[in-house]
């Protein structure tokens, strides 16, 4: 006999978890490994990626 799995429709809060904060500008930035060197500016560049939505940004130091 086969096992019967209960299928539940995902709640709206579970489906959109973490996306509302990023839309409001509250990203969860994490530094990406590896520091490339920017030749034009002559500085180290740090890349950040949001752990919720995947957006990226760079910051020269």
PDB file of N, CA and C in Angstrom:
ATOM      1  N   UNK A   1       0.838  -1.172   0.000  1.00  0.00           N
ATOM      2  CA  UNK A   1       0.000   0.000   0.000  1.00  0.00           C
ATOM      3  C   UNK A   1       0.891   1.245   0.000  1.00  0.00           C
ATOM      4  N   UNK A   2       0.499   2.260  -0.690  1.00  0.00           N
ATOM      5  CA  UNK A   2       1.289   3.482  -0.808  1.00  0.00           C
ATOM      6  C   UNK A   2       1.008   4.419   0.361  1.00  0.00           C
ATOM      7  N   UNK A   3       2.008   5.199   0.727  1.00  0.00           N
ATOM      8  CA  UNK A   3       1.821   6.204   1.770  1.00  0.00           C
ATOM      9  C   UNK A   3       1.109   7.409   1.179  1.00  0.00           C
ATOM     10  N   UNK A   4       0.158   7.928   1.906  1.00  0.00           N
ATOM     11  CA  UNK A   4      -0.588   9.101   1.454  1.00  0.00           C
ATOM     12  C   UNK A   4       0.028  10.332   2.102  1.00  0.00           C
ATOM     13  N   UNK A   5       0.452  11.285   1.259  1.00  0.00           N
ATOM     14  CA  UNK A   5       1.072  12.513   1.737  1.00  0.00           C
ATOM     15  C   UNK A   5       0.044  13.634   1.770  1.00  0.00           C
ATOM     16  N   UNK A   6      -0.036  14.355   2.859  1.00  0.00           N
ATOM     17  CA  UNK A   6      -0.978  15.488   2.887  1.00  0.00           C
ATOM     18  C   UNK A   6      -0.381  16.682   2.147  1.00  0.00           C
ATOM     19  N   UNK A   7      -1.101  17.196   1.172  1.00  0.00           N
ATOM     20  CA  UNK A   7      -0.648  18.359   0.427  1.00  0.00           C
ATOM     21  C   UNK A   7      -1.379  19.578   0.953  1.00  0.00           C
ATOM     22  N   UNK A   8      -0.611  20.569   1.349  1.00  0.00           N
ATOM     23  CA  UNK A   8      -1.200  21.799   1.849  1.00  0.00           C
ATOM     24  C   UNK A   8      -0.765  22.952   0.968  1.00  0.00           C
ATOM     25  N   UNK A   9      -1.665  23.875   0.739  1.00  0.00           N
ATOM     26  CA  UNK A   9      -1.342  25.074  -0.008  1.00  0.00           C
ATOM     27  C   UNK A   9      -0.466  25.958   0.869  1.00  0.00           C
ATOM     28  N   UNK A  10       0.690  26.454   0.353  1.00  0.00           N
ATOM     29  CA  UNK A  10       1.555  27.295   1.190  1.00  0.00           C
ATOM     30  C   UNK A  10       0.868  28.611   1.535  1.00  0.00           C
ATOM     31  N   UNK A  11       1.077  29.039   2.773  1.00  0.00           N
ATOM     32  CA  UNK A  11       0.499  30.304   3.211  1.00  0.00           C
ATOM     33  C   UNK A  11       1.203  31.457   2.502  1.00  0.00           C
ATOM     34  N   UNK A  12       0.531  32.578   2.411  1.00  0.00           N
ATOM     35  CA  UNK A  12       1.107  33.751   1.757  1.00  0.00           C
ATOM     36  C   UNK A  12       2.347  34.233   2.493  1.00  0.00           C
ATOM     37  N   UNK A  13       2.345  34.135   3.816  1.00  0.00           N
ATOM     38  CA  UNK A  13       3.508  34.578   4.589  1.00  0.00           C
ATOM     39  C   UNK A  13       4.714  33.678   4.340  1.00  0.00           C
ATOM     40  N   UNK A  14       4.491  32.390   4.126  1.00  0.00           N
ATOM     41  CA  UNK A  14       5.599  31.489   3.821  1.00  0.00           C
ATOM     42  C   UNK A  14       6.095  31.664   2.390  1.00  0.00           C
ATOM     43  N   UNK A  15       5.179  31.947   1.489  1.00  0.00           N
ATOM     44  CA  UNK A  15       5.540  32.107   0.083  1.00  0.00           C
ATOM     45  C   UNK A  15       6.381  33.356  -0.155  1.00  0.00           C
ATOM     46  N   UNK A  16       6.078  34.436   0.540  1.00  0.00           N
ATOM     47  CA  UNK A  16       6.766  35.709   0.333  1.00  0.00           C
ATOM     48  C   UNK A  16       7.700  36.065   1.485  1.00  0.00           C
ATOM     49  N   UNK A  17       8.198  35.083   2.191  1.00  0.00           N
ATOM     50  CA  UNK A  17       9.056  35.321   3.343  1.00  0.00           C
ATOM     51  C   UNK A  17      10.347  36.030   2.945  1.00  0.00           C
ATOM     52  N   UNK A  18      10.641  37.175   3.566  1.00  0.00           N
ATOM     53  CA  UNK A  18      11.869  37.907   3.345  1.00  0.00           C
ATOM     54  C   UNK A  18      11.848  38.863   2.167  1.00  0.00           C
ATOM     55  N   UNK A  19      10.878  38.794   1.294  1.00  0.00           N
ATOM     56  CA  UNK A  19      10.866  39.640   0.110  1.00  0.00           C
ATOM     57  C   UNK A  19      10.343  41.040   0.424  1.00  0.00           C
ATOM     58  N   UNK A  20       9.467  41.164   1.410  1.00  0.00           N
ATOM     59  CA  UNK A  20       8.902  42.475   1.705  1.00  0.00           C
ATOM     60  C   UNK A  20       9.950  43.398   2.317  1.00  0.00           C
ATOM     61  N   UNK A  21      10.876  42.836   3.086  1.00  0.00           N
ATOM     62  CA  UNK A  21      11.929  43.666   3.668  1.00  0.00           C
ATOM     63  C   UNK A  21      12.843  44.221   2.578  1.00  0.00           C
ATOM     64  N   UNK A  22      13.188  43.407   1.610  1.00  0.00           N
ATOM     65  CA  UNK A  22      14.077  43.857   0.538  1.00  0.00           C
ATOM     66  C   UNK A  22      13.405  44.908  -0.339  1.00  0.00           C
ATOM     67  N   UNK A  23      12.118  44.781  -0.562  1.00  0.00           N
ATOM     68  CA  UNK A  23      11.402  45.782  -1.356  1.00  0.00           C
ATOM     69  C   UNK A  23      11.373  47.122  -0.648  1.00  0.00           C
ATOM     70  N   UNK A  24      11.426  47.090   0.674  1.00  0.00           N
ATOM     71  CA  UNK A  24      11.418  48.326   1.458  1.00  0.00           C
ATOM     72  C   UNK A  24      12.820  48.897   1.645  1.00  0.00           C
ATOM     73  N   UNK A  25      13.847  48.212   1.129  1.00  0.00           N
ATOM     74  CA  UNK A  25      15.218  48.708   1.220  1.00  0.00           C
ATOM     75  C   UNK A  25      16.008  48.140   2.383  1.00  0.00           C
ATOM     76  N   UNK A  26      15.474  47.144   3.078  1.00  0.00           N
ATOM     77  CA  UNK A  26      16.163  46.541   4.216  1.00  0.00           C
ATOM     78  C   UNK A  26      16.742  45.193   3.812  1.00  0.00           C
ATOM     79  N   UNK A  27      17.826  45.245   3.017  1.00  0.00           N
ATOM     80  CA  UNK A  27      18.482  44.023   2.568  1.00  0.00           C
ATOM     81  C   UNK A  27      19.319  43.437   3.696  1.00  0.00           C
ATOM     82  N   UNK A  28      19.652  42.169   3.556  1.00  0.00           N
ATOM     83  CA  UNK A  28      20.516  41.477   4.514  1.00  0.00           C
ATOM     84  C   UNK A  28      21.832  41.197   3.785  1.00  0.00           C
ATOM     85  N   UNK A  29      22.736  42.188   3.809  1.00  0.00           N
ATOM     86  CA  UNK A  29      23.964  42.109   3.025  1.00  0.00           C
ATOM     87  C   UNK A  29      24.967  41.181   3.689  1.00  0.00           C
ATOM     88  N   UNK A  30      25.608  40.334   2.862  1.00  0.00           N
ATOM     89  CA  UNK A  30      26.698  39.471   3.296  1.00  0.00           C
ATOM     90  C   UNK A  30      27.831  39.595   2.293  1.00  0.00           C
ATOM     91  N   UNK A  31      29.051  39.662   2.791  1.00  0.00           N
ATOM     92  CA  UNK A  31      30.212  39.817   1.914  1.00  0.00           C
ATOM     93  C   UNK A  31      30.457  38.528   1.144  1.00  0.00           C
ATOM     94  N   UNK A  32      30.786  38.686  -0.148  1.00  0.00           N
ATOM     95  CA  UNK A  32      31.099  37.550  -1.008  1.00  0.00           C
ATOM     96  C   UNK A  32      32.590  37.289  -0.900  1.00  0.00           C
ATOM     97  N   UNK A  33      32.979  36.034  -0.879  1.00  0.00           N
ATOM     98  CA  UNK A  33      34.394  35.673  -0.749  1.00  0.00           C
ATOM     99  C   UNK A  33      35.193  36.171  -1.938  1.00  0.00           C
ATOM    100  N   UNK A  34      36.440  36.528  -1.701  1.00  0.00           N
ATOM    101  CA  UNK A  34      37.327  37.002  -2.761  1.00  0.00           C
ATOM    102  C   UNK A  34      37.229  38.506  -2.917  1.00  0.00           C
ATOM    103  N   UNK A  35      38.359  39.197  -2.857  1.00  0.00           N
ATOM    104  CA  UNK A  35      38.374  40.651  -2.993  1.00  0.00           C
ATOM    105  C   UNK A  35      39.075  41.041  -4.284  1.00  0.00           C
ATOM    106  N   UNK A  36      38.324  41.399  -5.317  1.00  0.00           N
ATOM    107  CA  UNK A  36      38.961  41.843  -6.556  1.00  0.00           C
ATOM    108  C   UNK A  36      39.549  43.245  -6.396  1.00  0.00           C
ATOM    109  N   UNK A  37      40.509  43.548  -7.236  1.00  0.00           N
ATOM    110  CA  UNK A  37      41.180  44.848  -7.189  1.00  0.00           C
ATOM    111  C   UNK A  37      40.708  45.671  -8.380  1.00  0.00           C
ATOM    112  N   UNK A  38      40.212  46.881  -8.127  1.00  0.00           N
ATOM    113  CA  UNK A  38      39.754  47.768  -9.189  1.00  0.00           C
ATOM    114  C   UNK A  38      40.929  48.587  -9.686  1.00  0.00           C
ATOM    115  N   UNK A  39      41.301  48.399 -10.949  1.00  0.00           N
ATOM    116  CA  UNK A  39      42.475  49.049 -11.518  1.00  0.00           C
ATOM    117  C   UNK A  39      42.235  50.545 -11.711  1.00  0.00           C
ATOM    118  N   UNK A  40      41.024  50.928 -12.122  1.00  0.00           N
ATOM    119  CA  UNK A  40      40.740  52.333 -12.397  1.00  0.00           C
ATOM    120  C   UNK A  40      40.785  53.179 -11.129  1.00  0.00           C
ATOM    121  N   UNK A  41      40.219  52.673 -10.034  1.00  0.00           N
ATOM    122  CA  UNK A  41      40.207  53.435  -8.781  1.00  0.00           C
ATOM    123  C   UNK A  41      41.450  53.183  -7.948  1.00  0.00           C
ATOM    124  N   UNK A  42      42.114  52.053  -8.175  1.00  0.00           N
ATOM    125  CA  UNK A  42      43.298  51.715  -7.391  1.00  0.00           C
ATOM    126  C   UNK A  42      42.944  51.294  -5.978  1.00  0.00           C
ATOM    127  N   UNK A  43      41.785  50.682  -5.803  1.00  0.00           N
ATOM    128  CA  UNK A  43      41.323  50.298  -4.465  1.00  0.00           C
ATOM    129  C   UNK A  43      40.807  48.865  -4.498  1.00  0.00           C
ATOM    130  N   UNK A  44      40.718  48.279  -3.306  1.00  0.00           N
ATOM    131  CA  UNK A  44      40.097  46.973  -3.168  1.00  0.00           C
ATOM    132  C   UNK A  44      38.585  47.153  -3.235  1.00  0.00           C
ATOM    133  N   UNK A  45      37.916  46.219  -3.879  1.00  0.00           N
ATOM    134  CA  UNK A  45      36.466  46.294  -4.042  1.00  0.00           C
ATOM    135  C   UNK A  45      35.845  45.121  -3.299  1.00  0.00           C
ATOM    136  N   UNK A  46      34.863  45.410  -2.446  1.00  0.00           N
ATOM    137  CA  UNK A  46      34.139  44.379  -1.725  1.00  0.00           C
ATOM    138  C   UNK A  46      32.766  44.217  -2.354  1.00  0.00           C
ATOM    139  N   UNK A  47      32.418  42.987  -2.663  1.00  0.00           N
ATOM    140  CA  UNK A  47      31.103  42.702  -3.244  1.00  0.00           C
ATOM    141  C   UNK A  47      30.200  42.158  -2.151  1.00  0.00           C
ATOM    142  N   UNK A  48      28.972  42.649  -2.122  1.00  0.00           N
ATOM    143  CA  UNK A  48      27.974  42.197  -1.161  1.00  0.00           C
ATOM    144  C   UNK A  48      26.800  41.598  -1.920  1.00  0.00           C
ATOM    145  N   UNK A  49      26.192  40.558  -1.347  1.00  0.00           N
ATOM    146  CA  UNK A  49      25.019  39.904  -1.918  1.00  0.00           C
ATOM    147  C   UNK A  49      23.974  39.758  -0.822  1.00  0.00           C
ATOM    148  N   UNK A  50      22.736  40.095  -1.150  1.00  0.00           N
ATOM    149  CA  UNK A  50      21.635  39.958  -0.201  1.00  0.00           C
ATOM    150  C   UNK A  50      21.288  38.481  -0.078  1.00  0.00           C
ATOM    151  N   UNK A  51      21.221  37.986   1.159  1.00  0.00           N
ATOM    152  CA  UNK A  51      20.937  36.566   1.360  1.00  0.00           C
ATOM    153  C   UNK A  51      19.470  36.242   1.121  1.00  0.00           C
ATOM    154  N   UNK A  52      18.599  37.245   1.123  1.00  0.00           N
ATOM    155  CA  UNK A  52      17.173  36.993   0.903  1.00  0.00           C
ATOM    156  C   UNK A  52      16.803  37.006  -0.579  1.00  0.00           C
ATOM    157  N   UNK A  53      17.164  38.094  -1.282  1.00  0.00           N
ATOM    158  CA  UNK A  53      16.693  38.245  -2.666  1.00  0.00           C
ATOM    159  C   UNK A  53      17.786  38.058  -3.707  1.00  0.00           C
ATOM    160  N   UNK A  54      19.062  38.090  -3.328  1.00  0.00           N
ATOM    161  CA  UNK A  54      20.140  37.867  -4.287  1.00  0.00           C
ATOM    162  C   UNK A  54      20.667  39.113  -4.961  1.00  0.00           C
ATOM    163  N   UNK A  55      20.218  40.300  -4.538  1.00  0.00           N
ATOM    164  CA  UNK A  55      20.713  41.547  -5.129  1.00  0.00           C
ATOM    165  C   UNK A  55      22.192  41.730  -4.764  1.00  0.00           C
ATOM    166  N   UNK A  56      22.948  42.403  -5.628  1.00  0.00           N
ATOM    167  CA  UNK A  56      24.366  42.619  -5.385  1.00  0.00           C
ATOM    168  C   UNK A  56      24.693  44.093  -5.351  1.00  0.00           C
ATOM    169  N   UNK A  57      25.748  44.443  -4.624  1.00  0.00           N
ATOM    170  CA  UNK A  57      26.278  45.798  -4.608  1.00  0.00           C
ATOM    171  C   UNK A  57      27.777  45.715  -4.385  1.00  0.00           C
ATOM    172  N   UNK A  58      28.497  46.764  -4.767  1.00  0.00           N
ATOM    173  CA  UNK A  58      29.938  46.821  -4.577  1.00  0.00           C
ATOM    174  C   UNK A  58      30.303  48.051  -3.769  1.00  0.00           C
ATOM    175  N   UNK A  59      31.394  47.938  -3.037  1.00  0.00           N
ATOM    176  CA  UNK A  59      31.865  49.055  -2.231  1.00  0.00           C
ATOM    177  C   UNK A  59      33.384  49.086  -2.319  1.00  0.00           C
ATOM    178  N   UNK A  60      33.917  50.243  -2.728  1.00  0.00           N
ATOM    179  CA  UNK A  60      35.369  50.414  -2.830  1.00  0.00           C
ATOM    180  C   UNK A  60      35.881  51.013  -1.535  1.00  0.00           C
ATOM    181  N   UNK A  61      37.014  50.491  -1.069  1.00  0.00           N
ATOM    182  CA  UNK A  61      37.619  51.005   0.169  1.00  0.00           C
ATOM    183  C   UNK A  61      39.023  51.442  -0.079  1.00  0.00           C
TER     184      UNK A  61
END
